[in-house]
Amino acid sequence: MKLMKLCVAFVLVGSAVVVPARALQKRGAAAARGRAADAARHSQEASEVLRKIMSVPDRAIPRDLLESAEAVAVCPGVLKAAFIVGGRKGDCVISRRTQKRQWSAPIFYNLTGGSVGAQIGGSKTDYVLLFMNDEALKGLMGDKFELGGEAEATAGPVGRAAGASTNARLQGGILSYSRSKGAFLGVSLKGVAITPDNDLNEAFYGRKAAELVTNQQDSNVPTQVRALPLTLARYSVRLPNRTRK
């Protein structure tokens, strides 16, 4: 009888060890699916913002500039809330050029910033930043990148003809745009910090943002996050000139 009780106790203890391990595996799988869904949502939202901006060519980002850019950041629905002390908070998705001038898999960042003033209210704004050269990209490889600190983000030109400006293409390190309540324009950004969302990058890619930004190898973009690279590819090709006969 005592031997039977010991056997039962051993089985119960063994079960107690096995069940939590399986439960942890299920939780881990569920968490991975959740992070993959987050990554897909961020890429899709960024794609939608870019598509809406580019749908009106006379008031859009010039295709020449998108074609020349080394990287593009899209930050959808950045919340700007203010009550005396204001602040911005949102997510950014960044895709950079590969060795063959394709667009890389999206890399995930956060955007934050603050301001002080007699403001009351809140609004949501979409931001797009064009990194025009390798020097401008360096800031994204650190833990924190401040616009107006390490680098200036100047207002980008808008419209079909604006991209022809050699000055805008070659001398502008970071060109920035905003879209709020349907209005789209170039805007200078200061006092804004861009920091890597390495929780999401590591969960989805197994690597940190700095490694992903540095890597220019051409590789397949995961299906879940293809939305933004595909949209960038669509709008970064220069349209042929059309002349009437």
C-alpha atoms as a PDB file:
ATOM      1  CA  MET A   1       0.000   0.000   0.000  1.00  0.00           C
ATOM      2  CA  LYS A   2       2.817   2.395   0.864  1.00  0.00           C
ATOM      3  CA  LEU A   3       4.572   1.516  -2.378  1.00  0.00           C
ATOM      4  CA  MET A   4       1.405   2.322  -4.348  1.00  0.00           C
ATOM      5  CA  LYS A   5       1.100   5.739  -2.652  1.00  0.00           C
ATOM      6  CA  LEU A   6       4.725   6.501  -3.496  1.00  0.00           C
ATOM      7  CA  CYS A   7       4.125   5.567  -7.130  1.00  0.00           C
ATOM      8  CA  VAL A   8       1.036   7.800  -7.307  1.00  0.00           C
ATOM      9  CA  ALA A   9       2.985  10.657  -5.731  1.00  0.00           C
ATOM     10  CA  PHE A  10       5.824  10.172  -8.250  1.00  0.00           C
ATOM     11  CA  VAL A  11       3.360  10.295 -11.175  1.00  0.00           C
ATOM     12  CA  LEU A  12       1.741  13.445  -9.852  1.00  0.00           C
ATOM     13  CA  VAL A  13       5.091  15.152  -9.368  1.00  0.00           C
ATOM     14  CA  GLY A  14       6.189  14.074 -12.866  1.00  0.00           C
ATOM     15  CA  SER A  15       2.982  15.443 -14.370  1.00  0.00           C
ATOM     16  CA  ALA A  16       3.463  18.718 -12.546  1.00  0.00           C
ATOM     17  CA  VAL A  17       6.828  19.072 -14.268  1.00  0.00           C
ATOM     18  CA  VAL A  18       5.617  18.161 -17.786  1.00  0.00           C
ATOM     19  CA  VAL A  19       2.424  20.210 -17.950  1.00  0.00           C
ATOM     20  CA  PRO A  20       3.989  23.625 -17.261  1.00  0.00           C
ATOM     21  CA  ALA A  21       6.673  22.916 -19.909  1.00  0.00           C
ATOM     22  CA  ARG A  22       3.984  22.254 -22.528  1.00  0.00           C
ATOM     23  CA  ALA A  23       2.035  25.265 -21.376  1.00  0.00           C
ATOM     24  CA  LEU A  24       5.132  27.430 -21.716  1.00  0.00           C
ATOM     25  CA  GLN A  25       5.676  26.136 -25.240  1.00  0.00           C
ATOM     26  CA  LYS A  26       2.100  27.025 -26.158  1.00  0.00           C
ATOM     27  CA  ARG A  27       2.451  30.457 -24.622  1.00  0.00           C
ATOM     28  CA  GLY A  28       5.702  31.001 -26.498  1.00  0.00           C
ATOM     29  CA  ALA A  29       4.084  30.014 -29.789  1.00  0.00           C
ATOM     30  CA  ALA A  30       1.106  32.286 -29.104  1.00  0.00           C
ATOM     31  CA  ALA A  31       3.429  35.173 -28.234  1.00  0.00           C
ATOM     32  CA  ALA A  32       5.397  34.625 -31.465  1.00  0.00           C
ATOM     33  CA  ARG A  33       2.178  34.683 -33.496  1.00  0.00           C
ATOM     34  CA  GLY A  34       1.147  37.868 -31.718  1.00  0.00           C
ATOM     35  CA  ARG A  35       4.436  39.611 -32.473  1.00  0.00           C
ATOM     36  CA  ALA A  36       4.249  38.501 -36.107  1.00  0.00           C
ATOM     37  CA  ALA A  37       0.755  40.009 -36.268  1.00  0.00           C
ATOM     38  CA  ASP A  38       2.127  43.259 -34.767  1.00  0.00           C
ATOM     39  CA  ALA A  39       4.881  43.379 -37.381  1.00  0.00           C
ATOM     40  CA  ALA A  40       2.391  42.760 -40.198  1.00  0.00           C
ATOM     41  CA  ARG A  41       0.038  45.459 -38.889  1.00  0.00           C
ATOM     42  CA  HIS A  42       2.796  48.068 -38.647  1.00  0.00           C
ATOM     43  CA  SER A  43       3.959  47.351 -42.201  1.00  0.00           C
ATOM     44  CA  GLN A  44       0.390  47.461 -43.541  1.00  0.00           C
ATOM     45  CA  GLU A  45      -0.421  50.750 -41.796  1.00  0.00           C
ATOM     46  CA  ALA A  46       2.782  52.336 -43.105  1.00  0.00           C
ATOM     47  CA  SER A  47       1.951  51.103 -46.592  1.00  0.00           C
ATOM     48  CA  GLU A  48      -1.530  52.653 -46.416  1.00  0.00           C
ATOM     49  CA  VAL A  49      -0.118  56.022 -45.335  1.00  0.00           C
ATOM     50  CA  LEU A  50       2.342  56.063 -48.226  1.00  0.00           C
ATOM     51  CA  ARG A  51      -0.313  54.976 -50.715  1.00  0.00           C
ATOM     52  CA  LYS A  52      -2.667  57.792 -49.678  1.00  0.00           C
ATOM     53  CA  ILE A  53       0.142  60.353 -49.870  1.00  0.00           C
ATOM     54  CA  MET A  54       1.242  59.231 -53.329  1.00  0.00           C
ATOM     55  CA  SER A  55      -2.280  58.958 -54.743  1.00  0.00           C
ATOM     56  CA  VAL A  56      -2.296  62.686 -55.613  1.00  0.00           C
ATOM     57  CA  PRO A  57       0.892  63.192 -57.692  1.00  0.00           C
ATOM     58  CA  ASP A  58       0.694  66.997 -57.756  1.00  0.00           C
ATOM     59  CA  ARG A  59       0.854  67.086 -53.944  1.00  0.00           C
ATOM     60  CA  ALA A  60       2.896  63.960 -53.246  1.00  0.00           C
ATOM     61  CA  ILE A  61       6.519  63.190 -52.468  1.00  0.00           C
ATOM     62  CA  PRO A  62       8.426  63.499 -55.778  1.00  0.00           C
ATOM     63  CA  ARG A  63       9.206  60.056 -57.172  1.00  0.00           C
ATOM     64  CA  ASP A  64      12.738  61.203 -58.015  1.00  0.00           C
ATOM     65  CA  LEU A  65      13.394  61.726 -54.314  1.00  0.00           C
ATOM     66  CA  LEU A  66      11.951  58.353 -53.325  1.00  0.00           C
ATOM     67  CA  GLU A  67      14.074  56.758 -56.015  1.00  0.00           C
ATOM     68  CA  SER A  68      17.226  58.488 -54.706  1.00  0.00           C
ATOM     69  CA  ALA A  69      16.561  57.845 -51.006  1.00  0.00           C
ATOM     70  CA  GLU A  70      18.747  55.384 -49.093  1.00  0.00           C
ATOM     71  CA  ALA A  71      15.958  54.674 -46.597  1.00  0.00           C
ATOM     72  CA  VAL A  72      12.371  55.723 -45.915  1.00  0.00           C
ATOM     73  CA  ALA A  73      10.651  55.884 -42.540  1.00  0.00           C
ATOM     74  CA  VAL A  74       6.864  55.964 -42.283  1.00  0.00           C
ATOM     75  CA  CYS A  75       5.303  56.773 -38.904  1.00  0.00           C
ATOM     76  CA  PRO A  76       1.498  56.354 -39.048  1.00  0.00           C
ATOM     77  CA  GLY A  77      -0.885  58.047 -36.636  1.00  0.00           C
ATOM     78  CA  VAL A  78       1.641  59.662 -34.299  1.00  0.00           C
ATOM     79  CA  LEU A  79      -0.370  60.968 -31.376  1.00  0.00           C
ATOM     80  CA  LYS A  80       0.343  64.510 -30.321  1.00  0.00           C
ATOM     81  CA  ALA A  81      -1.372  65.183 -27.014  1.00  0.00           C
ATOM     82  CA  ALA A  82      -0.945  68.371 -25.070  1.00  0.00           C
ATOM     83  CA  PHE A  83      -1.985  69.938 -21.813  1.00  0.00           C
ATOM     84  CA  ILE A  84       0.573  72.638 -21.009  1.00  0.00           C
ATOM     85  CA  VAL A  85       3.334  70.088 -21.648  1.00  0.00           C
ATOM     86  CA  GLY A  86       2.936  68.404 -25.016  1.00  0.00           C
ATOM     87  CA  GLY A  87       4.394  65.243 -26.468  1.00  0.00           C
ATOM     88  CA  ARG A  88       4.435  62.926 -29.462  1.00  0.00           C
ATOM     89  CA  LYS A  89       4.373  59.135 -29.496  1.00  0.00           C
ATOM     90  CA  GLY A  90       4.106  56.652 -32.315  1.00  0.00           C
ATOM     91  CA  ASP A  91       5.556  53.721 -34.216  1.00  0.00           C
ATOM     92  CA  CYS A  92       7.852  53.981 -37.238  1.00  0.00           C
ATOM     93  CA  VAL A  93       8.591  51.436 -39.943  1.00  0.00           C
ATOM     94  CA  ILE A  94      11.838  51.865 -41.878  1.00  0.00           C
ATOM     95  CA  SER A  95      12.918  50.175 -45.097  1.00  0.00           C
ATOM     96  CA  ARG A  96      16.358  50.759 -46.599  1.00  0.00           C
ATOM     97  CA  ARG A  97      18.020  50.123 -49.942  1.00  0.00           C
ATOM     98  CA  THR A  98      19.806  46.818 -50.475  1.00  0.00           C
ATOM     99  CA  GLN A  99      22.882  46.273 -52.637  1.00  0.00           C
ATOM    100  CA  LYS A 100      20.677  45.817 -55.724  1.00  0.00           C
ATOM    101  CA  ARG A 101      18.633  48.934 -54.860  1.00  0.00           C
ATOM    102  CA  GLN A 102      15.657  46.910 -53.701  1.00  0.00           C
ATOM    103  CA  TRP A 103      13.750  47.749 -50.499  1.00  0.00           C
ATOM    104  CA  SER A 104      14.593  45.759 -47.390  1.00  0.00           C
ATOM    105  CA  ALA A 105      12.290  44.071 -44.917  1.00  0.00           C
ATOM    106  CA  PRO A 106      10.761  46.669 -42.548  1.00  0.00           C
ATOM    107  CA  ILE A 107      12.680  47.567 -39.396  1.00  0.00           C
ATOM    108  CA  PHE A 108      10.685  48.732 -36.395  1.00  0.00           C
ATOM    109  CA  TYR A 109      11.303  51.918 -34.414  1.00  0.00           C
ATOM    110  CA  ASN A 110       9.482  54.227 -31.997  1.00  0.00           C
ATOM    111  CA  LEU A 111       9.071  57.984 -32.321  1.00  0.00           C
ATOM    112  CA  THR A 112       8.807  60.211 -29.254  1.00  0.00           C
ATOM    113  CA  GLY A 113       9.193  63.903 -28.578  1.00  0.00           C
ATOM    114  CA  GLY A 114       8.077  66.686 -26.322  1.00  0.00           C
ATOM    115  CA  SER A 115       7.328  70.393 -26.302  1.00  0.00           C
ATOM    116  CA  VAL A 116       6.285  72.954 -23.746  1.00  0.00           C
ATOM    117  CA  GLY A 117       3.626  75.565 -24.330  1.00  0.00           C
ATOM    118  CA  ALA A 118       0.058  76.655 -23.640  1.00  0.00           C
ATOM    119  CA  GLN A 119      -1.545  73.860 -25.651  1.00  0.00           C
ATOM    120  CA  ILE A 120      -4.670  71.893 -24.914  1.00  0.00           C
ATOM    121  CA  GLY A 121      -5.906  69.151 -27.201  1.00  0.00           C
ATOM    122  CA  GLY A 122      -4.695  66.195 -29.199  1.00  0.00           C
ATOM    123  CA  SER A 123      -4.258  65.126 -32.804  1.00  0.00           C
ATOM    124  CA  LYS A 124      -2.848  62.320 -34.933  1.00  0.00           C
ATOM    125  CA  THR A 125      -0.302  62.964 -37.660  1.00  0.00           C
ATOM    126  CA  ASP A 126       1.435  60.722 -40.179  1.00  0.00           C
ATOM    127  CA  TYR A 127       5.141  61.394 -40.748  1.00  0.00           C
ATOM    128  CA  VAL A 128       7.414  60.309 -43.583  1.00  0.00           C
ATOM    129  CA  LEU A 129      11.187  60.770 -43.473  1.00  0.00           C
ATOM    130  CA  LEU A 130      13.544  60.278 -46.400  1.00  0.00           C
ATOM    131  CA  PHE A 131      17.164  59.481 -45.539  1.00  0.00           C
ATOM    132  CA  MET A 132      19.002  60.718 -48.620  1.00  0.00           C
ATOM    133  CA  ASN A 133      22.528  59.438 -47.971  1.00  0.00           C
ATOM    134  CA  ASP A 134      24.565  57.014 -45.872  1.00  0.00           C
ATOM    135  CA  GLU A 135      25.589  59.766 -43.462  1.00  0.00           C
ATOM    136  CA  ALA A 136      21.942  60.409 -42.594  1.00  0.00           C
ATOM    137  CA  LEU A 137      21.455  56.703 -41.873  1.00  0.00           C
ATOM    138  CA  LYS A 138      24.200  56.501 -39.253  1.00  0.00           C
ATOM    139  CA  GLY A 139      21.979  57.820 -36.484  1.00  0.00           C
ATOM    140  CA  LEU A 140      19.610  54.846 -36.845  1.00  0.00           C
ATOM    141  CA  MET A 141      22.394  52.475 -35.836  1.00  0.00           C
ATOM    142  CA  GLY A 142      22.531  53.739 -32.251  1.00  0.00           C
ATOM    143  CA  ASP A 143      20.176  53.397 -29.293  1.00  0.00           C
ATOM    144  CA  LYS A 144      18.667  56.850 -29.790  1.00  0.00           C
ATOM    145  CA  PHE A 145      18.585  59.265 -32.708  1.00  0.00           C
ATOM    146  CA  GLU A 146      17.451  62.852 -32.089  1.00  0.00           C
ATOM    147  CA  LEU A 147      16.269  65.073 -34.903  1.00  0.00           C
ATOM    148  CA  GLY A 148      17.509  68.584 -34.345  1.00  0.00           C
ATOM    149  CA  GLY A 149      20.293  67.141 -32.226  1.00  0.00           C
ATOM    150  CA  GLU A 150      22.627  64.860 -34.154  1.00  0.00           C
ATOM    151  CA  ALA A 151      20.887  65.638 -37.445  1.00  0.00           C
ATOM    152  CA  GLU A 152      18.514  68.122 -39.013  1.00  0.00           C
ATOM    153  CA  ALA A 153      15.277  67.015 -40.677  1.00  0.00           C
ATOM    154  CA  THR A 154      14.348  69.696 -43.195  1.00  0.00           C
ATOM    155  CA  ALA A 155      11.013  70.162 -44.920  1.00  0.00           C
ATOM    156  CA  GLY A 156      10.899  68.103 -48.089  1.00  0.00           C
ATOM    157  CA  PRO A 157       9.610  69.478 -51.399  1.00  0.00           C
ATOM    158  CA  VAL A 158       6.174  68.407 -52.647  1.00  0.00           C
ATOM    159  CA  GLY A 159       4.826  67.894 -56.155  1.00  0.00           C
ATOM    160  CA  ARG A 160       5.841  66.505 -59.536  1.00  0.00           C
ATOM    161  CA  ALA A 161       8.470  69.113 -60.436  1.00  0.00           C
ATOM    162  CA  ALA A 162       9.955  69.636 -56.975  1.00  0.00           C
ATOM    163  CA  GLY A 163      12.101  66.513 -57.104  1.00  0.00           C
ATOM    164  CA  ALA A 164      14.128  67.964 -59.970  1.00  0.00           C
ATOM    165  CA  SER A 165      15.926  70.187 -57.468  1.00  0.00           C
ATOM    166  CA  THR A 166      19.515  68.925 -57.296  1.00  0.00           C
ATOM    167  CA  ASN A 167      19.948  70.822 -54.034  1.00  0.00           C
ATOM    168  CA  ALA A 168      17.109  68.896 -52.353  1.00  0.00           C
ATOM    169  CA  ARG A 169      18.471  65.578 -53.573  1.00  0.00           C
ATOM    170  CA  LEU A 170      22.147  65.967 -52.830  1.00  0.00           C
ATOM    171  CA  GLN A 171      22.402  68.368 -49.904  1.00  0.00           C
ATOM    172  CA  GLY A 172      19.378  67.339 -47.863  1.00  0.00           C
ATOM    173  CA  GLY A 173      20.384  64.678 -45.333  1.00  0.00           C
ATOM    174  CA  ILE A 174      16.867  63.948 -44.044  1.00  0.00           C
ATOM    175  CA  LEU A 175      13.738  65.266 -45.725  1.00  0.00           C
ATOM    176  CA  SER A 176      10.576  65.158 -43.629  1.00  0.00           C
ATOM    177  CA  TYR A 177       6.864  65.353 -44.366  1.00  0.00           C
ATOM    178  CA  SER A 178       3.632  65.324 -42.376  1.00  0.00           C
ATOM    179  CA  ARG A 179       0.039  64.473 -43.156  1.00  0.00           C
ATOM    180  CA  SER A 180      -2.771  65.583 -40.864  1.00  0.00           C
ATOM    181  CA  LYS A 181      -6.504  65.924 -41.565  1.00  0.00           C
ATOM    182  CA  GLY A 182      -5.901  65.336 -45.260  1.00  0.00           C
ATOM    183  CA  ALA A 183      -3.255  68.070 -45.638  1.00  0.00           C
ATOM    184  CA  PHE A 184       0.198  66.928 -46.741  1.00  0.00           C
ATOM    185  CA  LEU A 185       3.298  69.115 -46.676  1.00  0.00           C
ATOM    186  CA  GLY A 186       7.000  69.213 -46.002  1.00  0.00           C
ATOM    187  CA  VAL A 187       7.774  70.041 -42.384  1.00  0.00           C
ATOM    188  CA  SER A 188      10.923  70.499 -40.305  1.00  0.00           C
ATOM    189  CA  LEU A 189      11.170  68.167 -37.322  1.00  0.00           C
ATOM    190  CA  LYS A 190      13.058  69.078 -34.151  1.00  0.00           C
ATOM    191  CA  GLY A 191      13.053  67.702 -30.639  1.00  0.00           C
ATOM    192  CA  VAL A 192      11.962  64.279 -31.855  1.00  0.00           C
ATOM    193  CA  ALA A 193      13.741  61.049 -30.921  1.00  0.00           C
ATOM    194  CA  ILE A 194      13.706  57.833 -32.943  1.00  0.00           C
ATOM    195  CA  THR A 195      14.569  54.723 -30.930  1.00  0.00           C
ATOM    196  CA  PRO A 196      14.654  51.062 -32.021  1.00  0.00           C
ATOM    197  CA  ASP A 197      11.792  48.795 -31.029  1.00  0.00           C
ATOM    198  CA  ASN A 198      14.119  45.878 -30.394  1.00  0.00           C
ATOM    199  CA  ASP A 199      11.455  43.869 -28.571  1.00  0.00           C
ATOM    200  CA  LEU A 200       9.634  43.564 -31.881  1.00  0.00           C
ATOM    201  CA  ASN A 201      12.729  43.346 -34.099  1.00  0.00           C
ATOM    202  CA  GLU A 202      14.229  40.522 -32.034  1.00  0.00           C
ATOM    203  CA  ALA A 203      10.905  38.708 -31.681  1.00  0.00           C
ATOM    204  CA  PHE A 204      10.277  38.782 -35.437  1.00  0.00           C
ATOM    205  CA  TYR A 205      13.779  38.694 -36.971  1.00  0.00           C
ATOM    206  CA  GLY A 206      15.953  37.488 -34.105  1.00  0.00           C
ATOM    207  CA  ARG A 207      18.168  40.579 -34.554  1.00  0.00           C
ATOM    208  CA  LYS A 208      18.347  44.158 -33.302  1.00  0.00           C
ATOM    209  CA  ALA A 209      17.595  47.207 -35.413  1.00  0.00           C
ATOM    210  CA  ALA A 210      21.251  48.245 -35.741  1.00  0.00           C
ATOM    211  CA  GLU A 211      22.135  44.887 -37.309  1.00  0.00           C
ATOM    212  CA  LEU A 212      19.179  45.072 -39.677  1.00  0.00           C
ATOM    213  CA  VAL A 213      19.942  48.629 -40.808  1.00  0.00           C
ATOM    214  CA  THR A 214      23.613  47.811 -41.371  1.00  0.00           C
ATOM    215  CA  ASN A 215      22.829  44.721 -43.434  1.00  0.00           C
ATOM    216  CA  GLN A 216      22.392  45.503 -47.144  1.00  0.00           C
ATOM    217  CA  GLN A 217      22.235  41.940 -48.399  1.00  0.00           C
ATOM    218  CA  ASP A 218      19.434  41.098 -50.798  1.00  0.00           C
ATOM    219  CA  SER A 219      17.201  38.540 -49.135  1.00  0.00           C
ATOM    220  CA  ASN A 220      13.565  37.506 -49.254  1.00  0.00           C
ATOM    221  CA  VAL A 221      11.205  39.735 -47.286  1.00  0.00           C
ATOM    222  CA  PRO A 222       8.941  37.717 -44.956  1.00  0.00           C
ATOM    223  CA  THR A 223       5.438  37.457 -46.417  1.00  0.00           C
ATOM    224  CA  GLN A 224       3.783  39.022 -43.368  1.00  0.00           C
ATOM    225  CA  VAL A 225       5.638  42.341 -43.735  1.00  0.00           C
ATOM    226  CA  ARG A 226       5.872  42.793 -47.503  1.00  0.00           C
ATOM    227  CA  ALA A 227       3.281  45.572 -47.664  1.00  0.00           C
ATOM    228  CA  LEU A 228       5.631  48.543 -47.158  1.00  0.00           C
ATOM    229  CA  PRO A 229       8.532  47.364 -49.390  1.00  0.00           C
ATOM    230  CA  LEU A 230       6.073  46.581 -52.188  1.00  0.00           C
ATOM    231  CA  THR A 231       4.457  50.018 -51.928  1.00  0.00           C
ATOM    232  CA  LEU A 232       7.850  51.728 -51.882  1.00  0.00           C
ATOM    233  CA  ALA A 233       8.855  49.765 -54.989  1.00  0.00           C
ATOM    234  CA  ARG A 234       5.662  50.870 -56.716  1.00  0.00           C
ATOM    235  CA  TYR A 235       6.158  54.581 -56.077  1.00  0.00           C
ATOM    236  CA  SER A 236       9.930  54.920 -56.204  1.00  0.00           C
ATOM    237  CA  VAL A 237      10.191  54.210 -59.923  1.00  0.00           C
ATOM    238  CA  ARG A 238      10.441  57.356 -62.015  1.00  0.00           C
ATOM    239  CA  LEU A 239       7.495  57.757 -64.381  1.00  0.00           C
ATOM    240  CA  PRO A 240       8.284  58.255 -68.082  1.00  0.00           C
ATOM    241  CA  ASN A 241       7.807  61.766 -69.449  1.00  0.00           C
ATOM    242  CA  ARG A 242       4.637  62.075 -71.451  1.00  0.00           C
ATOM    243  CA  THR A 243       4.402  64.679 -74.159  1.00  0.00           C
ATOM    244  CA  ARG A 244       1.354  65.528 -76.187  1.00  0.00           C
ATOM    245  CA  LYS A 245       1.646  65.392 -79.937  1.00  0.00           C
END
